[in-house]
Amino acid sequence: GSTNYADSVKGRFTMSRDNAKNTVDLQMNSLKPEDTAVYYCYG
């Protein structure tokens, strides 16, 4: 499927996956103080 983003991060965050490495990354740009949080990977 396609990637769905929260409205608050659309246009700033990009999720990508590397199937060979079994990793999922989250590139976060234009960060704001309200982005402060503990970030959890989910599967």
ModelCIF file with pLDDT and N, C-alpha, C, O atoms, coordinates in Angstrom:
data_MODEL
#
_entry.id   MODEL 
#
_entity.id                         1 
_entity.type                       polymer 
_entity.pdbx_number_of_molecules   1 
#
_entity_poly.entity_id                      1 
_entity_poly.type                           'polypeptide(L)' 
_entity_poly.nstd_linkage                   no 
_entity_poly.nstd_monomer                   no 
_entity_poly.pdbx_seq_one_letter_code       GSTNYADSVKGRFTMSRDNAKNTVDLQMNSLKPEDTAVYYCYG 
_entity_poly.pdbx_seq_one_letter_code_can   GSTNYADSVKGRFTMSRDNAKNTVDLQMNSLKPEDTAVYYCYG 
_entity_poly.pdbx_strand_id                 A 
#
loop_
_entity_poly_seq.entity_id 
_entity_poly_seq.num 
_entity_poly_seq.mon_id 
_entity_poly_seq.hetero 
1 1  GLY n 
1 2  SER n 
1 3  THR n 
1 4  ASN n 
1 5  TYR n 
1 6  ALA n 
1 7  ASP n 
1 8  SER n 
1 9  VAL n 
1 10 LYS n 
1 11 GLY n 
1 12 ARG n 
1 13 PHE n 
1 14 THR n 
1 15 MET n 
1 16 SER n 
1 17 ARG n 
1 18 ASP n 
1 19 ASN n 
1 20 ALA n 
1 21 LYS n 
1 22 ASN n 
1 23 THR n 
1 24 VAL n 
1 25 ASP n 
1 26 LEU n 
1 27 GLN n 
1 28 MET n 
1 29 ASN n 
1 30 SER n 
1 31 LEU n 
1 32 LYS n 
1 33 PRO n 
1 34 GLU n 
1 35 ASP n 
1 36 THR n 
1 37 ALA n 
1 38 VAL n 
1 39 TYR n 
1 40 TYR n 
1 41 CYS n 
1 42 TYR n 
1 43 GLY n 
#
_struct_asym.id          A 
_struct_asym.entity_id   1 
#
loop_
_ma_qa_metric.id 
_ma_qa_metric.mode 
_ma_qa_metric.name 
_ma_qa_metric.software_group_id 
_ma_qa_metric.type 
1 global pLDDT . pLDDT 
2 local  pLDDT . pLDDT 
#
_ma_qa_metric_global.metric_id      1 
_ma_qa_metric_global.metric_value   95.05 
_ma_qa_metric_global.model_id       1 
_ma_qa_metric_global.ordinal_id     1 
#
loop_
_ma_qa_metric_local.label_asym_id 
_ma_qa_metric_local.label_comp_id 
_ma_qa_metric_local.label_seq_id 
_ma_qa_metric_local.metric_id 
_ma_qa_metric_local.metric_value 
_ma_qa_metric_local.model_id 
_ma_qa_metric_local.ordinal_id 
A GLY 1  2 76.00 1 1  
A SER 2  2 86.00 1 2  
A THR 3  2 92.00 1 3  
A ASN 4  2 95.00 1 4  
A TYR 5  2 97.00 1 5  
A ALA 6  2 97.00 1 6  
A ASP 7  2 97.00 1 7  
A SER 8  2 97.00 1 8  
A VAL 9  2 98.00 1 9  
A LYS 10 2 97.00 1 10 
A GLY 11 2 97.00 1 11 
A ARG 12 2 98.00 1 12 
A PHE 13 2 98.00 1 13 
A THR 14 2 97.00 1 14 
A MET 15 2 95.00 1 15 
A SER 16 2 93.00 1 16 
A ARG 17 2 89.00 1 17 
A ASP 18 2 89.00 1 18 
A ASN 19 2 86.00 1 19 
A ALA 20 2 91.00 1 20 
A LYS 21 2 92.00 1 21 
A ASN 22 2 92.00 1 22 
A THR 23 2 93.00 1 23 
A VAL 24 2 94.00 1 24 
A ASP 25 2 96.00 1 25 
A LEU 26 2 97.00 1 26 
A GLN 27 2 98.00 1 27 
A MET 28 2 98.00 1 28 
A ASN 29 2 98.00 1 29 
A SER 30 2 98.00 1 30 
A LEU 31 2 98.00 1 31 
A LYS 32 2 98.00 1 32 
A PRO 33 2 97.00 1 33 
A GLU 34 2 97.00 1 34 
A ASP 35 2 98.00 1 35 
A THR 36 2 98.00 1 36 
A ALA 37 2 98.00 1 37 
A VAL 38 2 98.00 1 38 
A TYR 39 2 98.00 1 39 
A TYR 40 2 98.00 1 40 
A CYS 41 2 97.00 1 41 
A TYR 42 2 96.00 1 42 
A GLY 43 2 95.00 1 43 
#
loop_
_atom_site.group_PDB 
_atom_site.id 
_atom_site.type_symbol 
_atom_site.label_atom_id 
_atom_site.label_alt_id 
_atom_site.label_comp_id 
_atom_site.label_asym_id 
_atom_site.label_entity_id 
_atom_site.label_seq_id 
_atom_site.pdbx_PDB_ins_code 
_atom_site.Cartn_x 
_atom_site.Cartn_y 
_atom_site.Cartn_z 
_atom_site.occupancy 
_atom_site.B_iso_or_equiv 
_atom_site.pdbx_formal_charge 
_atom_site.auth_seq_id 
_atom_site.auth_comp_id 
_atom_site.auth_asym_id 
_atom_site.auth_atom_id 
_atom_site.pdbx_PDB_model_num 
ATOM 1   N N  . GLY A 1 1  ? 0.812  -1.214 0.000  1.00 76.00 ? 1  GLY A N  1 
ATOM 2   C CA . GLY A 1 1  ? 0.000  0.000  0.000  1.00 76.00 ? 1  GLY A CA 1 
ATOM 3   C C  . GLY A 1 1  ? 0.840  1.256  0.000  1.00 76.00 ? 1  GLY A C  1 
ATOM 4   O O  . GLY A 1 1  ? 2.069  1.202  -0.041 1.00 76.00 ? 1  GLY A O  1 
ATOM 5   N N  . SER A 1 2  ? 0.170  2.370  0.045  1.00 86.00 ? 2  SER A N  1 
ATOM 6   C CA . SER A 1 2  ? 0.863  3.652  0.074  1.00 86.00 ? 2  SER A CA 1 
ATOM 7   C C  . SER A 1 2  ? 1.059  4.089  1.521  1.00 86.00 ? 2  SER A C  1 
ATOM 8   O O  . SER A 1 2  ? 0.468  3.524  2.441  1.00 86.00 ? 2  SER A O  1 
ATOM 9   N N  . THR A 1 3  ? 1.885  5.086  1.701  1.00 92.00 ? 3  THR A N  1 
ATOM 10  C CA . THR A 1 3  ? 2.177  5.585  3.040  1.00 92.00 ? 3  THR A CA 1 
ATOM 11  C C  . THR A 1 3  ? 1.170  6.660  3.427  1.00 92.00 ? 3  THR A C  1 
ATOM 12  O O  . THR A 1 3  ? 0.869  7.555  2.637  1.00 92.00 ? 3  THR A O  1 
ATOM 13  N N  . ASN A 1 4  ? 0.662  6.565  4.630  1.00 95.00 ? 4  ASN A N  1 
ATOM 14  C CA . ASN A 1 4  ? -0.246 7.579  5.165  1.00 95.00 ? 4  ASN A CA 1 
ATOM 15  C C  . ASN A 1 4  ? 0.469  8.372  6.262  1.00 95.00 ? 4  ASN A C  1 
ATOM 16  O O  . ASN A 1 4  ? 1.146  7.800  7.116  1.00 95.00 ? 4  ASN A O  1 
ATOM 17  N N  . TYR A 1 5  ? 0.308  9.668  6.225  1.00 97.00 ? 5  TYR A N  1 
ATOM 18  C CA . TYR A 1 5  ? 0.946  10.552 7.197  1.00 97.00 ? 5  TYR A CA 1 
ATOM 19  C C  . TYR A 1 5  ? -0.103 11.311 7.996  1.00 97.00 ? 5  TYR A C  1 
ATOM 20  O O  . TYR A 1 5  ? -1.189 11.614 7.502  1.00 97.00 ? 5  TYR A O  1 
ATOM 21  N N  . ALA A 1 6  ? 0.250  11.614 9.255  1.00 97.00 ? 6  ALA A N  1 
ATOM 22  C CA . ALA A 1 6  ? -0.582 12.514 10.034 1.00 97.00 ? 6  ALA A CA 1 
ATOM 23  C C  . ALA A 1 6  ? -0.561 13.890 9.373  1.00 97.00 ? 6  ALA A C  1 
ATOM 24  O O  . ALA A 1 6  ? 0.451  14.296 8.802  1.00 97.00 ? 6  ALA A O  1 
ATOM 25  N N  . ASP A 1 7  ? -1.681 14.602 9.453  1.00 97.00 ? 7  ASP A N  1 
ATOM 26  C CA . ASP A 1 7  ? -1.746 15.924 8.831  1.00 97.00 ? 7  ASP A CA 1 
ATOM 27  C C  . ASP A 1 7  ? -0.666 16.852 9.372  1.00 97.00 ? 7  ASP A C  1 
ATOM 28  O O  . ASP A 1 7  ? -0.149 17.702 8.648  1.00 97.00 ? 7  ASP A O  1 
ATOM 29  N N  . SER A 1 8  ? -0.332 16.686 10.636 1.00 97.00 ? 8  SER A N  1 
ATOM 30  C CA . SER A 1 8  ? 0.629  17.581 11.272 1.00 97.00 ? 8  SER A CA 1 
ATOM 31  C C  . SER A 1 8  ? 2.056  17.430 10.731 1.00 97.00 ? 8  SER A C  1 
ATOM 32  O O  . SER A 1 8  ? 2.893  18.306 10.948 1.00 97.00 ? 8  SER A O  1 
ATOM 33  N N  . VAL A 1 9  ? 2.340  16.321 10.028 1.00 98.00 ? 9  VAL A N  1 
ATOM 34  C CA . VAL A 1 9  ? 3.708  16.106 9.540  1.00 98.00 ? 9  VAL A CA 1 
ATOM 35  C C  . VAL A 1 9  ? 3.791  16.052 8.019  1.00 98.00 ? 9  VAL A C  1 
ATOM 36  O O  . VAL A 1 9  ? 4.883  15.947 7.461  1.00 98.00 ? 9  VAL A O  1 
ATOM 37  N N  . LYS A 1 10 ? 2.650  16.122 7.348  1.00 97.00 ? 10 LYS A N  1 
ATOM 38  C CA . LYS A 1 10 ? 2.656  16.044 5.878  1.00 97.00 ? 10 LYS A CA 1 
ATOM 39  C C  . LYS A 1 10 ? 3.515  17.155 5.285  1.00 97.00 ? 10 LYS A C  1 
ATOM 40  O O  . LYS A 1 10 ? 3.428  18.313 5.695  1.00 97.00 ? 10 LYS A O  1 
ATOM 41  N N  . GLY A 1 11 ? 4.339  16.786 4.323  1.00 97.00 ? 11 GLY A N  1 
ATOM 42  C CA . GLY A 1 11 ? 5.210  17.753 3.674  1.00 97.00 ? 11 GLY A CA 1 
ATOM 43  C C  . GLY A 1 11 ? 6.513  17.979 4.409  1.00 97.00 ? 11 GLY A C  1 
ATOM 44  O O  . GLY A 1 11 ? 7.427  18.601 3.868  1.00 97.00 ? 11 GLY A O  1 
ATOM 45  N N  . ARG A 1 12 ? 6.617  17.483 5.637  1.00 98.00 ? 12 ARG A N  1 
ATOM 46  C CA . ARG A 1 12 ? 7.848  17.656 6.419  1.00 98.00 ? 12 ARG A CA 1 
ATOM 47  C C  . ARG A 1 12 ? 8.545  16.326 6.703  1.00 98.00 ? 12 ARG A C  1 
ATOM 48  O O  . ARG A 1 12 ? 9.774  16.255 6.726  1.00 98.00 ? 12 ARG A O  1 
ATOM 49  N N  . PHE A 1 13 ? 7.763  15.285 6.916  1.00 98.00 ? 13 PHE A N  1 
ATOM 50  C CA . PHE A 1 13 ? 8.317  13.971 7.254  1.00 98.00 ? 13 PHE A CA 1 
ATOM 51  C C  . PHE A 1 13 ? 8.145  13.032 6.065  1.00 98.00 ? 13 PHE A C  1 
ATOM 52  O O  . PHE A 1 13 ? 7.151  13.105 5.343  1.00 98.00 ? 13 PHE A O  1 
ATOM 53  N N  . THR A 1 14 ? 9.122  12.152 5.870  1.00 97.00 ? 14 THR A N  1 
ATOM 54  C CA . THR A 1 14 ? 9.050  11.154 4.818  1.00 97.00 ? 14 THR A CA 1 
ATOM 55  C C  . THR A 1 14 ? 9.507  9.809  5.364  1.00 97.00 ? 14 THR A C  1 
ATOM 56  O O  . THR A 1 14 ? 10.591 9.685  5.933  1.00 97.00 ? 14 THR A O  1 
ATOM 57  N N  . MET A 1 15 ? 8.662  8.813  5.179  1.00 95.00 ? 15 MET A N  1 
ATOM 58  C CA . MET A 1 15 ? 9.024  7.463  5.606  1.00 95.00 ? 15 MET A CA 1 
ATOM 59  C C  . MET A 1 15 ? 9.494  6.665  4.401  1.00 95.00 ? 15 MET A C  1 
ATOM 60  O O  . MET A 1 15 ? 8.906  6.743  3.322  1.00 95.00 ? 15 MET A O  1 
ATOM 61  N N  . SER A 1 16 ? 10.556 5.898  4.595  1.00 93.00 ? 16 SER A N  1 
ATOM 62  C CA . SER A 1 16 ? 11.069 5.070  3.514  1.00 93.00 ? 16 SER A CA 1 
ATOM 63  C C  . SER A 1 16 ? 11.469 3.711  4.073  1.00 93.00 ? 16 SER A C  1 
ATOM 64  O O  . SER A 1 16 ? 11.703 3.567  5.273  1.00 93.00 ? 16 SER A O  1 
ATOM 65  N N  . ARG A 1 17 ? 11.545 2.737  3.211  1.00 89.00 ? 17 ARG A N  1 
ATOM 66  C CA . ARG A 1 17 ? 11.901 1.393  3.644  1.00 89.00 ? 17 ARG A CA 1 
ATOM 67  C C  . ARG A 1 17 ? 13.026 0.841  2.794  1.00 89.00 ? 17 ARG A C  1 
ATOM 68  O O  . ARG A 1 17 ? 13.116 1.114  1.598  1.00 89.00 ? 17 ARG A O  1 
ATOM 69  N N  . ASP A 1 18 ? 13.880 0.061  3.431  1.00 89.00 ? 18 ASP A N  1 
ATOM 70  C CA . ASP A 1 18 ? 14.960 -0.635 2.735  1.00 89.00 ? 18 ASP A CA 1 
ATOM 71  C C  . ASP A 1 18 ? 14.726 -2.119 2.932  1.00 89.00 ? 18 ASP A C  1 
ATOM 72  O O  . ASP A 1 18 ? 15.033 -2.674 3.987  1.00 89.00 ? 18 ASP A O  1 
ATOM 73  N N  . ASN A 1 19 ? 14.179 -2.758 1.910  1.00 86.00 ? 19 ASN A N  1 
ATOM 74  C CA . ASN A 1 19 ? 13.799 -4.154 2.038  1.00 86.00 ? 19 ASN A CA 1 
ATOM 75  C C  . ASN A 1 19 ? 15.015 -5.063 2.261  1.00 86.00 ? 19 ASN A C  1 
ATOM 76  O O  . ASN A 1 19 ? 14.911 -6.083 2.942  1.00 86.00 ? 19 ASN A O  1 
ATOM 77  N N  . ALA A 1 20 ? 16.142 -4.699 1.700  1.00 91.00 ? 20 ALA A N  1 
ATOM 78  C CA . ALA A 1 20 ? 17.337 -5.532 1.840  1.00 91.00 ? 20 ALA A CA 1 
ATOM 79  C C  . ALA A 1 20 ? 17.874 -5.496 3.269  1.00 91.00 ? 20 ALA A C  1 
ATOM 80  O O  . ALA A 1 20 ? 18.398 -6.491 3.770  1.00 91.00 ? 20 ALA A O  1 
ATOM 81  N N  . LYS A 1 21 ? 17.737 -4.332 3.925  1.00 92.00 ? 21 LYS A N  1 
ATOM 82  C CA . LYS A 1 21 ? 18.257 -4.186 5.292  1.00 92.00 ? 21 LYS A CA 1 
ATOM 83  C C  . LYS A 1 21 ? 17.186 -4.413 6.346  1.00 92.00 ? 21 LYS A C  1 
ATOM 84  O O  . LYS A 1 21 ? 17.480 -4.423 7.542  1.00 92.00 ? 21 LYS A O  1 
ATOM 85  N N  . ASN A 1 22 ? 15.946 -4.595 5.907  1.00 92.00 ? 22 ASN A N  1 
ATOM 86  C CA . ASN A 1 22 ? 14.826 -4.750 6.854  1.00 92.00 ? 22 ASN A CA 1 
ATOM 87  C C  . ASN A 1 22 ? 14.725 -3.543 7.787  1.00 92.00 ? 22 ASN A C  1 
ATOM 88  O O  . ASN A 1 22 ? 14.571 -3.688 9.000  1.00 92.00 ? 22 ASN A O  1 
ATOM 89  N N  . THR A 1 23 ? 14.813 -2.369 7.206  1.00 93.00 ? 23 THR A N  1 
ATOM 90  C CA . THR A 1 23 ? 14.720 -1.142 7.989  1.00 93.00 ? 23 THR A CA 1 
ATOM 91  C C  . THR A 1 23 ? 13.651 -0.218 7.419  1.00 93.00 ? 23 THR A C  1 
ATOM 92  O O  . THR A 1 23 ? 13.335 -0.251 6.230  1.00 93.00 ? 23 THR A O  1 
ATOM 93  N N  . VAL A 1 24 ? 13.112 0.596  8.300  1.00 94.00 ? 24 VAL A N  1 
ATOM 94  C CA . VAL A 1 24 ? 12.185 1.652  7.920  1.00 94.00 ? 24 VAL A CA 1 
ATOM 95  C C  . VAL A 1 24 ? 12.696 2.940  8.549  1.00 94.00 ? 24 VAL A C  1 
ATOM 96  O O  . VAL A 1 24 ? 12.911 3.003  9.759  1.00 94.00 ? 24 VAL A O  1 
ATOM 97  N N  . ASP A 1 25 ? 12.886 3.949  7.741  1.00 96.00 ? 25 ASP A N  1 
ATOM 98  C CA . ASP A 1 25 ? 13.419 5.211  8.230  1.00 96.00 ? 25 ASP A CA 1 
ATOM 99  C C  . ASP A 1 25 ? 12.349 6.296  8.211  1.00 96.00 ? 25 ASP A C  1 
ATOM 100 O O  . ASP A 1 25 ? 11.376 6.220  7.461  1.00 96.00 ? 25 ASP A O  1 
ATOM 101 N N  . LEU A 1 26 ? 12.550 7.300  9.046  1.00 97.00 ? 26 LEU A N  1 
ATOM 102 C CA . LEU A 1 26 ? 11.670 8.462  9.079  1.00 97.00 ? 26 LEU A CA 1 
ATOM 103 C C  . LEU A 1 26 ? 12.559 9.699  8.990  1.00 97.00 ? 26 LEU A C  1 
ATOM 104 O O  . LEU A 1 26 ? 13.261 10.043 9.941  1.00 97.00 ? 26 LEU A O  1 
ATOM 105 N N  . GLN A 1 27 ? 12.518 10.351 7.852  1.00 98.00 ? 27 GLN A N  1 
ATOM 106 C CA . GLN A 1 27 ? 13.259 11.598 7.661  1.00 98.00 ? 27 GLN A CA 1 
ATOM 107 C C  . GLN A 1 27 ? 12.370 12.745 8.107  1.00 98.00 ? 27 GLN A C  1 
ATOM 108 O O  . GLN A 1 27 ? 11.273 12.933 7.581  1.00 98.00 ? 27 GLN A O  1 
ATOM 109 N N  . MET A 1 28 ? 12.846 13.509 9.077  1.00 98.00 ? 28 MET A N  1 
ATOM 110 C CA . MET A 1 28 ? 12.050 14.594 9.645  1.00 98.00 ? 28 MET A CA 1 
ATOM 111 C C  . MET A 1 28 ? 12.739 15.919 9.362  1.00 98.00 ? 28 MET A C  1 
ATOM 112 O O  . MET A 1 28 ? 13.840 16.175 9.847  1.00 98.00 ? 28 MET A O  1 
ATOM 113 N N  . ASN A 1 29 ? 12.086 16.748 8.580  1.00 98.00 ? 29 ASN A N  1 
ATOM 114 C CA . ASN A 1 29 ? 12.626 18.060 8.222  1.00 98.00 ? 29 ASN A CA 1 
ATOM 115 C C  . ASN A 1 29 ? 11.748 19.164 8.794  1.00 98.00 ? 29 ASN A C  1 
ATOM 116 O O  . ASN A 1 29 ? 10.606 18.926 9.188  1.00 98.00 ? 29 ASN A O  1 
ATOM 117 N N  . SER A 1 30 ? 12.288 20.362 8.835  1.00 98.00 ? 30 SER A N  1 
ATOM 118 C CA . SER A 1 30 ? 11.540 21.529 9.332  1.00 98.00 ? 30 SER A CA 1 
ATOM 119 C C  . SER A 1 30 ? 10.901 21.231 10.672 1.00 98.00 ? 30 SER A C  1 
ATOM 120 O O  . SER A 1 30 ? 9.720  21.502 10.885 1.00 98.00 ? 30 SER A O  1 
ATOM 121 N N  . LEU A 1 31 ? 11.683 20.675 11.567 1.00 98.00 ? 31 LEU A N  1 
ATOM 122 C CA . LEU A 1 31 ? 11.145 20.262 12.861 1.00 98.00 ? 31 LEU A CA 1 
ATOM 123 C C  . LEU A 1 31 ? 10.676 21.452 13.678 1.00 98.00 ? 31 LEU A C  1 
ATOM 124 O O  . LEU A 1 31 ? 11.244 22.542 13.618 1.00 98.00 ? 31 LEU A O  1 
ATOM 125 N N  . LYS A 1 32 ? 9.616  21.206 14.447 1.00 98.00 ? 32 LYS A N  1 
ATOM 126 C CA . LYS A 1 32 ? 8.997  22.215 15.294 1.00 98.00 ? 32 LYS A CA 1 
ATOM 127 C C  . LYS A 1 32 ? 9.051  21.748 16.745 1.00 98.00 ? 32 LYS A C  1 
ATOM 128 O O  . LYS A 1 32 ? 9.141  20.548 17.004 1.00 98.00 ? 32 LYS A O  1 
ATOM 129 N N  . PRO A 1 33 ? 8.998  22.677 17.687 1.00 97.00 ? 33 PRO A N  1 
ATOM 130 C CA . PRO A 1 33 ? 8.985  22.265 19.097 1.00 97.00 ? 33 PRO A CA 1 
ATOM 131 C C  . PRO A 1 33 ? 7.855  21.286 19.410 1.00 97.00 ? 33 PRO A C  1 
ATOM 132 O O  . PRO A 1 33 ? 8.010  20.423 20.274 1.00 97.00 ? 33 PRO A O  1 
ATOM 133 N N  . GLU A 1 34 ? 6.737  21.407 18.727 1.00 97.00 ? 34 GLU A N  1 
ATOM 134 C CA . GLU A 1 34 ? 5.617  20.493 18.975 1.00 97.00 ? 34 GLU A CA 1 
ATOM 135 C C  . GLU A 1 34 ? 5.862  19.088 18.448 1.00 97.00 ? 34 GLU A C  1 
ATOM 136 O O  . GLU A 1 34 ? 5.050  18.194 18.688 1.00 97.00 ? 34 GLU A O  1 
ATOM 137 N N  . ASP A 1 35 ? 6.952  18.873 17.742 1.00 98.00 ? 35 ASP A N  1 
ATOM 138 C CA . ASP A 1 35 ? 7.334  17.523 17.325 1.00 98.00 ? 35 ASP A CA 1 
ATOM 139 C C  . ASP A 1 35 ? 8.074  16.770 18.441 1.00 98.00 ? 35 ASP A C  1 
ATOM 140 O O  . ASP A 1 35 ? 8.357  15.579 18.312 1.00 98.00 ? 35 ASP A O  1 
ATOM 141 N N  . THR A 1 36 ? 8.381  17.470 19.523 1.00 98.00 ? 36 THR A N  1 
ATOM 142 C CA . THR A 1 36 ? 9.066  16.846 20.646 1.00 98.00 ? 36 THR A CA 1 
ATOM 143 C C  . THR A 1 36 ? 8.221  15.714 21.214 1.00 98.00 ? 36 THR A C  1 
ATOM 144 O O  . THR A 1 36 ? 7.067  15.914 21.593 1.00 98.00 ? 36 THR A O  1 
ATOM 145 N N  . ALA A 1 37 ? 8.810  14.522 21.270 1.00 98.00 ? 37 ALA A N  1 
ATOM 146 C CA . ALA A 1 37 ? 8.086  13.333 21.729 1.00 98.00 ? 37 ALA A CA 1 
ATOM 147 C C  . ALA A 1 37 ? 9.040  12.145 21.749 1.00 98.00 ? 37 ALA A C  1 
ATOM 148 O O  . ALA A 1 37 ? 10.168 12.218 21.259 1.00 98.00 ? 37 ALA A O  1 
ATOM 149 N N  . VAL A 1 38 ? 8.559  11.057 22.326 1.00 98.00 ? 38 VAL A N  1 
ATOM 150 C CA . VAL A 1 38 ? 9.229  9.773  22.147 1.00 98.00 ? 38 VAL A CA 1 
ATOM 151 C C  . VAL A 1 38 ? 8.618  9.127  20.909 1.00 98.00 ? 38 VAL A C  1 
ATOM 152 O O  . VAL A 1 38 ? 7.400  8.990  20.801 1.00 98.00 ? 38 VAL A O  1 
ATOM 153 N N  . TYR A 1 39 ? 9.474  8.736  19.987 1.00 98.00 ? 39 TYR A N  1 
ATOM 154 C CA . TYR A 1 39 ? 9.024  8.150  18.730 1.00 98.00 ? 39 TYR A CA 1 
ATOM 155 C C  . TYR A 1 39 ? 9.200  6.635  18.798 1.00 98.00 ? 39 TYR A C  1 
ATOM 156 O O  . TYR A 1 39 ? 10.259 6.129  19.168 1.00 98.00 ? 39 TYR A O  1 
ATOM 157 N N  . TYR A 1 40 ? 8.136  5.931  18.432 1.00 98.00 ? 40 TYR A N  1 
ATOM 158 C CA . TYR A 1 40 ? 8.116  4.476  18.499 1.00 98.00 ? 40 TYR A CA 1 
ATOM 159 C C  . TYR A 1 40 ? 7.945  3.872  17.107 1.00 98.00 ? 40 TYR A C  1 
ATOM 160 O O  . TYR A 1 40 ? 7.095  4.301  16.327 1.00 98.00 ? 40 TYR A O  1 
ATOM 161 N N  . CYS A 1 41 ? 8.747  2.895  16.823 1.00 97.00 ? 41 CYS A N  1 
ATOM 162 C CA . CYS A 1 41 ? 8.549  2.101  15.619 1.00 97.00 ? 41 CYS A CA 1 
ATOM 163 C C  . CYS A 1 41 ? 7.451  1.078  15.889 1.00 97.00 ? 41 CYS A C  1 
ATOM 164 O O  . CYS A 1 41 ? 7.358  0.525  16.985 1.00 97.00 ? 41 CYS A O  1 
ATOM 165 N N  . TYR A 1 42 ? 6.641  0.839  14.898 1.00 96.00 ? 42 TYR A N  1 
ATOM 166 C CA . TYR A 1 42 ? 5.492  -0.065 15.042 1.00 96.00 ? 42 TYR A CA 1 
ATOM 167 C C  . TYR A 1 42 ? 5.469  -1.052 13.877 1.00 96.00 ? 42 TYR A C  1 
ATOM 168 O O  . TYR A 1 42 ? 5.793  -0.707 12.740 1.00 96.00 ? 42 TYR A O  1 
ATOM 169 N N  . GLY A 1 43 ? 5.081  -2.281 14.187 1.00 95.00 ? 43 GLY A N  1 
ATOM 170 C CA . GLY A 1 43 ? 4.861  -3.281 13.161 1.00 95.00 ? 43 GLY A CA 1 
ATOM 171 C C  . GLY A 1 43 ? 3.727  -4.201 13.559 1.00 95.00 ? 43 GLY A C  1 
ATOM 172 O O  . GLY A 1 43 ? 3.387  -5.120 12.815 1.00 95.00 ? 43 GLY A O  1 
#
